[in-house]
Amino acid sequence: MNILNSILAGIASGAISALLGYAKNAGENFEPKKAIQTLVIGGFVGGVAGYKGFTYTKAEEWLESIGAITLVEYIKKAIWRRLRKKKKKK
């Protein structure tokens, strides 16, 4: 259950980060696509933090240093593009 709590905390951190990012850029319109992508990374980092017993910040730094966040970004974007391509065909 601890890992599930960490994933949820990571998703919450991602949501807060997305909202604060848009709030600081007053001229920028809110884009749900970008917000969802931030939530995915937040959930991933939170899950790893819970699994490894790290703080969220330590997990984020560790994952960044080994390239895992970049890898998840690439996988996430590939999936997103395939889903959008299927949606356009309908």
PDB file of N, CA and C in Angstrom:
ATOM      1  N   MET A   1       0.825  -1.201   0.000  1.00  0.00           N
ATOM      2  CA  MET A   1       0.000   0.000   0.000  1.00  0.00           C
ATOM      3  C   MET A   1       0.863   1.257   0.000  1.00  0.00           C
ATOM      4  N   ASN A   2       2.068   1.162   0.551  1.00  0.00           N
ATOM      5  CA  ASN A   2       2.964   2.301   0.609  1.00  0.00           C
ATOM      6  C   ASN A   2       3.334   2.804  -0.784  1.00  0.00           C
ATOM      7  N   ILE A   3       3.568   1.885  -1.725  1.00  0.00           N
ATOM      8  CA  ILE A   3       3.916   2.286  -3.087  1.00  0.00           C
ATOM      9  C   ILE A   3       2.737   3.001  -3.732  1.00  0.00           C
ATOM     10  N   LEU A   4       1.528   2.503  -3.515  1.00  0.00           N
ATOM     11  CA  LEU A   4       0.339   3.152  -4.069  1.00  0.00           C
ATOM     12  C   LEU A   4       0.204   4.572  -3.532  1.00  0.00           C
ATOM     13  N   ASN A   5       0.446   4.761  -2.241  1.00  0.00           N
ATOM     14  CA  ASN A   5       0.395   6.103  -1.658  1.00  0.00           C
ATOM     15  C   ASN A   5       1.441   7.013  -2.287  1.00  0.00           C
ATOM     16  N   SER A   6       2.635   6.472  -2.548  1.00  0.00           N
ATOM     17  CA  SER A   6       3.695   7.272  -3.162  1.00  0.00           C
ATOM     18  C   SER A   6       3.337   7.654  -4.598  1.00  0.00           C
ATOM     19  N   ILE A   7       2.722   6.729  -5.335  1.00  0.00           N
ATOM     20  CA  ILE A   7       2.300   7.042  -6.703  1.00  0.00           C
ATOM     21  C   ILE A   7       1.264   8.163  -6.671  1.00  0.00           C
ATOM     22  N   LEU A   8       0.296   8.045  -5.766  1.00  0.00           N
ATOM     23  CA  LEU A   8      -0.725   9.087  -5.651  1.00  0.00           C
ATOM     24  C   LEU A   8      -0.118  10.431  -5.246  1.00  0.00           C
ATOM     25  N   ALA A   9       0.861  10.401  -4.339  1.00  0.00           N
ATOM     26  CA  ALA A   9       1.542  11.636  -3.950  1.00  0.00           C
ATOM     27  C   ALA A   9       2.311  12.210  -5.138  1.00  0.00           C
ATOM     28  N   GLY A  10       2.915  11.336  -5.941  1.00  0.00           N
ATOM     29  CA  GLY A  10       3.627  11.793  -7.139  1.00  0.00           C
ATOM     30  C   GLY A  10       2.693  12.433  -8.140  1.00  0.00           C
ATOM     31  N   ILE A  11       1.520  11.822  -8.342  1.00  0.00           N
ATOM     32  CA  ILE A  11       0.534  12.397  -9.256  1.00  0.00           C
ATOM     33  C   ILE A  11       0.069  13.757  -8.733  1.00  0.00           C
ATOM     34  N   ALA A  12      -0.144  13.849  -7.417  1.00  0.00           N
ATOM     35  CA  ALA A  12      -0.546  15.128  -6.822  1.00  0.00           C
ATOM     36  C   ALA A  12       0.542  16.182  -7.028  1.00  0.00           C
ATOM     37  N   SER A  13       1.814  15.787  -6.841  1.00  0.00           N
ATOM     38  CA  SER A  13       2.925  16.723  -7.067  1.00  0.00           C
ATOM     39  C   SER A  13       2.972  17.164  -8.518  1.00  0.00           C
ATOM     40  N   GLY A  14       2.742  16.224  -9.423  1.00  0.00           N
ATOM     41  CA  GLY A  14       2.723  16.565 -10.843  1.00  0.00           C
ATOM     42  C   GLY A  14       1.611  17.542 -11.173  1.00  0.00           C
ATOM     43  N   ALA A  15       0.441  17.331 -10.584  1.00  0.00           N
ATOM     44  CA  ALA A  15      -0.689  18.229 -10.819  1.00  0.00           C
ATOM     45  C   ALA A  15      -0.393  19.634 -10.297  1.00  0.00           C
ATOM     46  N   ILE A  16       0.159  19.695  -9.099  1.00  0.00           N
ATOM     47  CA  ILE A  16       0.501  20.993  -8.513  1.00  0.00           C
ATOM     48  C   ILE A  16       1.561  21.684  -9.359  1.00  0.00           C
ATOM     49  N   SER A  17       2.552  20.926  -9.800  1.00  0.00           N
ATOM     50  CA  SER A  17       3.614  21.484 -10.647  1.00  0.00           C
ATOM     51  C   SER A  17       3.043  22.035 -11.950  1.00  0.00           C
ATOM     52  N   ALA A  18       2.143  21.288 -12.573  1.00  0.00           N
ATOM     53  CA  ALA A  18       1.532  21.736 -13.822  1.00  0.00           C
ATOM     54  C   ALA A  18       0.744  23.020 -13.609  1.00  0.00           C
ATOM     55  N   LEU A  19      -0.058  23.050 -12.552  1.00  0.00           N
ATOM     56  CA  LEU A  19      -0.871  24.232 -12.288  1.00  0.00           C
ATOM     57  C   LEU A  19      -0.017  25.452 -11.959  1.00  0.00           C
ATOM     58  N   LEU A  20       1.024  25.256 -11.157  1.00  0.00           N
ATOM     59  CA  LEU A  20       1.914  26.371 -10.823  1.00  0.00           C
ATOM     60  C   LEU A  20       2.678  26.863 -12.043  1.00  0.00           C
ATOM     61  N   GLY A  21       3.052  25.940 -12.915  1.00  0.00           N
ATOM     62  CA  GLY A  21       3.744  26.322 -14.142  1.00  0.00           C
ATOM     63  C   GLY A  21       2.879  27.211 -15.019  1.00  0.00           C
ATOM     64  N   TYR A  22       1.601  26.880 -15.115  1.00  0.00           N
ATOM     65  CA  TYR A  22       0.696  27.715 -15.904  1.00  0.00           C
ATOM     66  C   TYR A  22       0.390  29.030 -15.203  1.00  0.00           C
ATOM     67  N   ALA A  23       0.314  29.011 -13.876  1.00  0.00           N
ATOM     68  CA  ALA A  23       0.011  30.226 -13.115  1.00  0.00           C
ATOM     69  C   ALA A  23       1.126  31.258 -13.257  1.00  0.00           C
ATOM     70  N   LYS A  24       2.381  30.796 -13.320  1.00  0.00           N
ATOM     71  CA  LYS A  24       3.493  31.752 -13.421  1.00  0.00           C
ATOM     72  C   LYS A  24       3.592  32.374 -14.813  1.00  0.00           C
ATOM     73  N   ASN A  25       3.034  31.697 -15.822  1.00  0.00           N
ATOM     74  CA  ASN A  25       3.014  32.224 -17.183  1.00  0.00           C
ATOM     75  C   ASN A  25       1.599  32.715 -17.490  1.00  0.00           C
ATOM     76  N   ALA A  26       1.292  33.906 -17.017  1.00  0.00           N
ATOM     77  CA  ALA A  26      -0.069  34.421 -17.093  1.00  0.00           C
ATOM     78  C   ALA A  26      -0.619  34.462 -18.521  1.00  0.00           C
ATOM     79  N   GLY A  27       0.222  34.660 -19.519  1.00  0.00           N
ATOM     80  CA  GLY A  27      -0.248  34.766 -20.895  1.00  0.00           C
ATOM     81  C   GLY A  27      -0.476  33.425 -21.577  1.00  0.00           C
ATOM     82  N   GLU A  28      -0.072  32.348 -20.949  1.00  0.00           N
ATOM     83  CA  GLU A  28      -0.159  31.013 -21.560  1.00  0.00           C
ATOM     84  C   GLU A  28      -1.500  30.365 -21.245  1.00  0.00           C
ATOM     85  N   ASN A  29      -2.122  29.798 -22.260  1.00  0.00           N
ATOM     86  CA  ASN A  29      -3.381  29.083 -22.060  1.00  0.00           C
ATOM     87  C   ASN A  29      -3.110  27.709 -21.465  1.00  0.00           C
ATOM     88  N   PHE A  30      -4.037  27.237 -20.645  1.00  0.00           N
ATOM     89  CA  PHE A  30      -3.915  25.907 -20.052  1.00  0.00           C
ATOM     90  C   PHE A  30      -4.078  24.856 -21.139  1.00  0.00           C
ATOM     91  N   GLU A  31      -3.140  23.915 -21.208  1.00  0.00           N
ATOM     92  CA  GLU A  31      -3.203  22.841 -22.189  1.00  0.00           C
ATOM     93  C   GLU A  31      -3.303  21.509 -21.451  1.00  0.00           C
ATOM     94  N   PRO A  32      -4.468  20.863 -21.509  1.00  0.00           N
ATOM     95  CA  PRO A  32      -4.644  19.593 -20.805  1.00  0.00           C
ATOM     96  C   PRO A  32      -3.606  18.541 -21.208  1.00  0.00           C
ATOM     97  N   LYS A  33      -3.196  18.531 -22.476  1.00  0.00           N
ATOM     98  CA  LYS A  33      -2.200  17.554 -22.948  1.00  0.00           C
ATOM     99  C   LYS A  33      -0.908  17.662 -22.147  1.00  0.00           C
ATOM    100  N   LYS A  34      -0.427  18.894 -21.962  1.00  0.00           N
ATOM    101  CA  LYS A  34       0.807  19.094 -21.191  1.00  0.00           C
ATOM    102  C   LYS A  34       0.599  18.720 -19.722  1.00  0.00           C
ATOM    103  N   ALA A  35      -0.561  19.050 -19.193  1.00  0.00           N
ATOM    104  CA  ALA A  35      -0.840  18.734 -17.793  1.00  0.00           C
ATOM    105  C   ALA A  35      -0.872  17.226 -17.576  1.00  0.00           C
ATOM    106  N   ILE A  36      -1.487  16.486 -18.477  1.00  0.00           N
ATOM    107  CA  ILE A  36      -1.551  15.025 -18.363  1.00  0.00           C
ATOM    108  C   ILE A  36      -0.149  14.433 -18.415  1.00  0.00           C
ATOM    109  N   GLN A  37       0.690  14.961 -19.292  1.00  0.00           N
ATOM    110  CA  GLN A  37       2.051  14.450 -19.406  1.00  0.00           C
ATOM    111  C   GLN A  37       2.836  14.706 -18.121  1.00  0.00           C
ATOM    112  N   THR A  38       2.606  15.842 -17.486  1.00  0.00           N
ATOM    113  CA  THR A  38       3.261  16.137 -16.214  1.00  0.00           C
ATOM    114  C   THR A  38       2.791  15.158 -15.137  1.00  0.00           C
ATOM    115  N   LEU A  39       1.509  14.809 -15.161  1.00  0.00           N
ATOM    116  CA  LEU A  39       0.977  13.852 -14.196  1.00  0.00           C
ATOM    117  C   LEU A  39       1.611  12.472 -14.366  1.00  0.00           C
ATOM    118  N   VAL A  40       1.866  12.071 -15.594  1.00  0.00           N
ATOM    119  CA  VAL A  40       2.482  10.761 -15.857  1.00  0.00           C
ATOM    120  C   VAL A  40       3.870  10.698 -15.229  1.00  0.00           C
ATOM    121  N   ILE A  41       4.676  11.718 -15.461  1.00  0.00           N
ATOM    122  CA  ILE A  41       6.029  11.748 -14.896  1.00  0.00           C
ATOM    123  C   ILE A  41       5.966  11.824 -13.370  1.00  0.00           C
ATOM    124  N   GLY A  42       5.061  12.624 -12.842  1.00  0.00           N
ATOM    125  CA  GLY A  42       4.908  12.719 -11.382  1.00  0.00           C
ATOM    126  C   GLY A  42       4.553  11.386 -10.760  1.00  0.00           C
ATOM    127  N   GLY A  43       3.655  10.660 -11.403  1.00  0.00           N
ATOM    128  CA  GLY A  43       3.279   9.334 -10.901  1.00  0.00           C
ATOM    129  C   GLY A  43       4.430   8.356 -10.950  1.00  0.00           C
ATOM    130  N   PHE A  44       5.196   8.400 -12.027  1.00  0.00           N
ATOM    131  CA  PHE A  44       6.361   7.523 -12.173  1.00  0.00           C
ATOM    132  C   PHE A  44       7.392   7.798 -11.079  1.00  0.00           C
ATOM    133  N   VAL A  45       7.726   9.072 -10.894  1.00  0.00           N
ATOM    134  CA  VAL A  45       8.713   9.440  -9.879  1.00  0.00           C
ATOM    135  C   VAL A  45       8.205   9.070  -8.482  1.00  0.00           C
ATOM    136  N   GLY A  46       6.937   9.321  -8.212  1.00  0.00           N
ATOM    137  CA  GLY A  46       6.363   8.986  -6.913  1.00  0.00           C
ATOM    138  C   GLY A  46       6.396   7.492  -6.637  1.00  0.00           C
ATOM    139  N   GLY A  47       6.104   6.700  -7.664  1.00  0.00           N
ATOM    140  CA  GLY A  47       6.151   5.244  -7.508  1.00  0.00           C
ATOM    141  C   GLY A  47       7.548   4.742  -7.193  1.00  0.00           C
ATOM    142  N   VAL A  48       8.530   5.289  -7.891  1.00  0.00           N
ATOM    143  CA  VAL A  48       9.919   4.895  -7.644  1.00  0.00           C
ATOM    144  C   VAL A  48      10.349   5.331  -6.240  1.00  0.00           C
ATOM    145  N   ALA A  49       9.928   6.523  -5.840  1.00  0.00           N
ATOM    146  CA  ALA A  49      10.270   7.012  -4.497  1.00  0.00           C
ATOM    147  C   ALA A  49       9.750   6.050  -3.439  1.00  0.00           C
ATOM    148  N   GLY A  50       8.515   5.601  -3.598  1.00  0.00           N
ATOM    149  CA  GLY A  50       7.940   4.666  -2.625  1.00  0.00           C
ATOM    150  C   GLY A  50       8.638   3.318  -2.641  1.00  0.00           C
ATOM    151  N   TYR A  51       8.939   2.828  -3.824  1.00  0.00           N
ATOM    152  CA  TYR A  51       9.580   1.521  -3.961  1.00  0.00           C
ATOM    153  C   TYR A  51      10.989   1.510  -3.369  1.00  0.00           C
ATOM    154  N   LYS A  52      11.751   2.578  -3.646  1.00  0.00           N
ATOM    155  CA  LYS A  52      13.145   2.635  -3.189  1.00  0.00           C
ATOM    156  C   LYS A  52      13.297   3.234  -1.791  1.00  0.00           C
ATOM    157  N   GLY A  53      12.217   3.825  -1.259  1.00  0.00           N
ATOM    158  CA  GLY A  53      12.306   4.464   0.054  1.00  0.00           C
ATOM    159  C   GLY A  53      12.998   5.817  -0.003  1.00  0.00           C
ATOM    160  N   PHE A  54      12.948   6.466  -1.174  1.00  0.00           N
ATOM    161  CA  PHE A  54      13.551   7.785  -1.369  1.00  0.00           C
ATOM    162  C   PHE A  54      12.513   8.876  -1.119  1.00  0.00           C
ATOM    163  N   THR A  55      13.002  10.084  -0.908  1.00  0.00           N
ATOM    164  CA  THR A  55      12.099  11.232  -0.956  1.00  0.00           C
ATOM    165  C   THR A  55      11.762  11.465  -2.424  1.00  0.00           C
ATOM    166  N   TYR A  56      10.735  12.238  -2.676  1.00  0.00           N
ATOM    167  CA  TYR A  56      10.342  12.522  -4.059  1.00  0.00           C
ATOM    168  C   TYR A  56      11.492  13.205  -4.807  1.00  0.00           C
ATOM    169  N   THR A  57      12.129  14.180  -4.156  1.00  0.00           N
ATOM    170  CA  THR A  57      13.221  14.926  -4.790  1.00  0.00           C
ATOM    171  C   THR A  57      14.404  14.017  -5.092  1.00  0.00           C
ATOM    172  N   LYS A  58      14.763  13.153  -4.148  1.00  0.00           N
ATOM    173  CA  LYS A  58      15.890  12.238  -4.367  1.00  0.00           C
ATOM    174  C   LYS A  58      15.582  11.279  -5.513  1.00  0.00           C
ATOM    175  N   ALA A  59      14.339  10.779  -5.565  1.00  0.00           N
ATOM    176  CA  ALA A  59      13.954   9.872  -6.655  1.00  0.00           C
ATOM    177  C   ALA A  59      14.033  10.591  -7.999  1.00  0.00           C
ATOM    178  N   GLU A  60      13.559  11.827  -8.038  1.00  0.00           N
ATOM    179  CA  GLU A  60      13.592  12.602  -9.279  1.00  0.00           C
ATOM    180  C   GLU A  60      15.038  12.822  -9.743  1.00  0.00           C
ATOM    181  N   GLU A  61      15.908  13.187  -8.811  1.00  0.00           N
ATOM    182  CA  GLU A  61      17.320  13.404  -9.152  1.00  0.00           C
ATOM    183  C   GLU A  61      17.975  12.110  -9.626  1.00  0.00           C
ATOM    184  N   TRP A  62      17.709  11.010  -8.939  1.00  0.00           N
ATOM    185  CA  TRP A  62      18.292   9.721  -9.305  1.00  0.00           C
ATOM    186  C   TRP A  62      17.807   9.283 -10.685  1.00  0.00           C
ATOM    187  N   LEU A  63      16.496   9.370 -10.912  1.00  0.00           N
ATOM    188  CA  LEU A  63      15.942   8.960 -12.203  1.00  0.00           C
ATOM    189  C   LEU A  63      16.464   9.834 -13.341  1.00  0.00           C
ATOM    190  N   GLU A  64      16.631  11.114 -13.068  1.00  0.00           N
ATOM    191  CA  GLU A  64      17.177  12.022 -14.086  1.00  0.00           C
ATOM    192  C   GLU A  64      18.627  11.652 -14.397  1.00  0.00           C
ATOM    193  N   SER A  65      19.399  11.325 -13.363  1.00  0.00           N
ATOM    194  CA  SER A  65      20.819  11.016 -13.559  1.00  0.00           C
ATOM    195  C   SER A  65      21.043   9.728 -14.350  1.00  0.00           C
ATOM    196  N   ILE A  66      20.108   8.784 -14.282  1.00  0.00           N
ATOM    197  CA  ILE A  66      20.281   7.532 -15.039  1.00  0.00           C
ATOM    198  C   ILE A  66      19.509   7.540 -16.365  1.00  0.00           C
ATOM    199  N   GLY A  67      18.856   8.655 -16.650  1.00  0.00           N
ATOM    200  CA  GLY A  67      18.153   8.780 -17.928  1.00  0.00           C
ATOM    201  C   GLY A  67      16.766   8.168 -17.958  1.00  0.00           C
ATOM    202  N   ALA A  68      16.260   7.739 -16.808  1.00  0.00           N
ATOM    203  CA  ALA A  68      14.952   7.073 -16.775  1.00  0.00           C
ATOM    204  C   ALA A  68      13.804   8.028 -17.089  1.00  0.00           C
ATOM    205  N   ILE A  69      13.912   9.269 -16.646  1.00  0.00           N
ATOM    206  CA  ILE A  69      12.839  10.233 -16.931  1.00  0.00           C
ATOM    207  C   ILE A  69      12.783  10.516 -18.427  1.00  0.00           C
ATOM    208  N   THR A  70      13.932  10.640 -19.054  1.00  0.00           N
ATOM    209  CA  THR A  70      13.962  10.846 -20.497  1.00  0.00           C
ATOM    210  C   THR A  70      13.352   9.654 -21.219  1.00  0.00           C
ATOM    211  N   LEU A  71      13.675   8.454 -20.776  1.00  0.00           N
ATOM    212  CA  LEU A  71      13.114   7.248 -21.380  1.00  0.00           C
ATOM    213  C   LEU A  71      11.590   7.219 -21.251  1.00  0.00           C
ATOM    214  N   VAL A  72      11.077   7.545 -20.056  1.00  0.00           N
ATOM    215  CA  VAL A  72       9.632   7.571 -19.854  1.00  0.00           C
ATOM    216  C   VAL A  72       8.995   8.654 -20.730  1.00  0.00           C
ATOM    217  N   GLU A  73       9.665   9.790 -20.868  1.00  0.00           N
ATOM    218  CA  GLU A  73       9.162  10.860 -21.753  1.00  0.00           C
ATOM    219  C   GLU A  73       9.021  10.345 -23.182  1.00  0.00           C
ATOM    220  N   TYR A  74      10.034   9.659 -23.689  1.00  0.00           N
ATOM    221  CA  TYR A  74       9.983   9.133 -25.058  1.00  0.00           C
ATOM    222  C   TYR A  74       8.863   8.106 -25.223  1.00  0.00           C
ATOM    223  N   ILE A  75       8.738   7.195 -24.267  1.00  0.00           N
ATOM    224  CA  ILE A  75       7.688   6.174 -24.333  1.00  0.00           C
ATOM    225  C   ILE A  75       6.312   6.834 -24.278  1.00  0.00           C
ATOM    226  N   LYS A  76       6.165   7.780 -23.368  1.00  0.00           N
ATOM    227  CA  LYS A  76       4.895   8.497 -23.201  1.00  0.00           C
ATOM    228  C   LYS A  76       4.503   9.223 -24.481  1.00  0.00           C
ATOM    229  N   LYS A  77       5.453   9.899 -25.098  1.00  0.00           N
ATOM    230  CA  LYS A  77       5.176  10.629 -26.340  1.00  0.00           C
ATOM    231  C   LYS A  77       4.836   9.683 -27.482  1.00  0.00           C
ATOM    232  N   ALA A  78       5.505   8.545 -27.553  1.00  0.00           N
ATOM    233  CA  ALA A  78       5.218   7.568 -28.608  1.00  0.00           C
ATOM    234  C   ALA A  78       3.800   7.030 -28.456  1.00  0.00           C
ATOM    235  N   ILE A  79       3.413   6.722 -27.236  1.00  0.00           N
ATOM    236  CA  ILE A  79       2.054   6.225 -26.980  1.00  0.00           C
ATOM    237  C   ILE A  79       1.033   7.314 -27.308  1.00  0.00           C
ATOM    238  N   TRP A  80       1.308   8.536 -26.867  1.00  0.00           N
ATOM    239  CA  TRP A  80       0.396   9.662 -27.109  1.00  0.00           C
ATOM    240  C   TRP A  80       0.179   9.864 -28.613  1.00  0.00           C
ATOM    241  N   ARG A  81       1.261   9.820 -29.371  1.00  0.00           N
ATOM    242  CA  ARG A  81       1.153  10.020 -30.828  1.00  0.00           C
ATOM    243  C   ARG A  81       0.356   8.906 -31.482  1.00  0.00           C
ATOM    244  N   ARG A  82       0.556   7.685 -31.050  1.00  0.00           N
ATOM    245  CA  ARG A  82      -0.212   6.555 -31.615  1.00  0.00           C
ATOM    246  C   ARG A  82      -1.697   6.688 -31.287  1.00  0.00           C
ATOM    247  N   LEU A  83      -2.006   7.110 -30.069  1.00  0.00           N
ATOM    248  CA  LEU A  83      -3.404   7.300 -29.689  1.00  0.00           C
ATOM    249  C   LEU A  83      -4.045   8.421 -30.500  1.00  0.00           C
ATOM    250  N   ARG A  84      -3.313   9.483 -30.716  1.00  0.00           N
ATOM    251  CA  ARG A  84      -3.844  10.603 -31.512  1.00  0.00           C
ATOM    252  C   ARG A  84      -4.036  10.194 -32.964  1.00  0.00           C
ATOM    253  N   LYS A  85      -3.112   9.365 -33.475  1.00  0.00           N
ATOM    254  CA  LYS A  85      -3.208   8.907 -34.854  1.00  0.00           C
ATOM    255  C   LYS A  85      -4.462   8.038 -35.033  1.00  0.00           C
ATOM    256  N   LYS A  86      -4.742   7.165 -34.070  1.00  0.00           N
ATOM    257  CA  LYS A  86      -5.926   6.330 -34.119  1.00  0.00           C
ATOM    258  C   LYS A  86      -7.197   7.180 -34.043  1.00  0.00           C
ATOM    259  N   LYS A  87      -7.155   8.222 -33.217  1.00  0.00           N
ATOM    260  CA  LYS A  87      -8.308   9.098 -33.055  1.00  0.00           C
ATOM    261  C   LYS A  87      -8.610   9.844 -34.350  1.00  0.00           C
ATOM    262  N   LYS A  88      -7.574  10.261 -35.064  1.00  0.00           N
ATOM    263  CA  LYS A  88      -7.771  10.989 -36.316  1.00  0.00           C
ATOM    264  C   LYS A  88      -8.355  10.094 -37.413  1.00  0.00           C
ATOM    265  N   LYS A  89      -8.058   8.798 -37.367  1.00  0.00           N
ATOM    266  CA  LYS A  89      -8.564   7.856 -38.379  1.00  0.00           C
ATOM    267  C   LYS A  89     -10.070   7.652 -38.250  1.00  0.00           C
ATOM    268  N   LYS A  90     -10.601   7.833 -37.045  1.00  0.00           N
ATOM    269  CA  LYS A  90     -12.034   7.573 -36.832  1.00  0.00           C
ATOM    270  C   LYS A  90     -12.899   8.638 -37.428  1.00  0.00           C
TER     271      LYS A  90
END
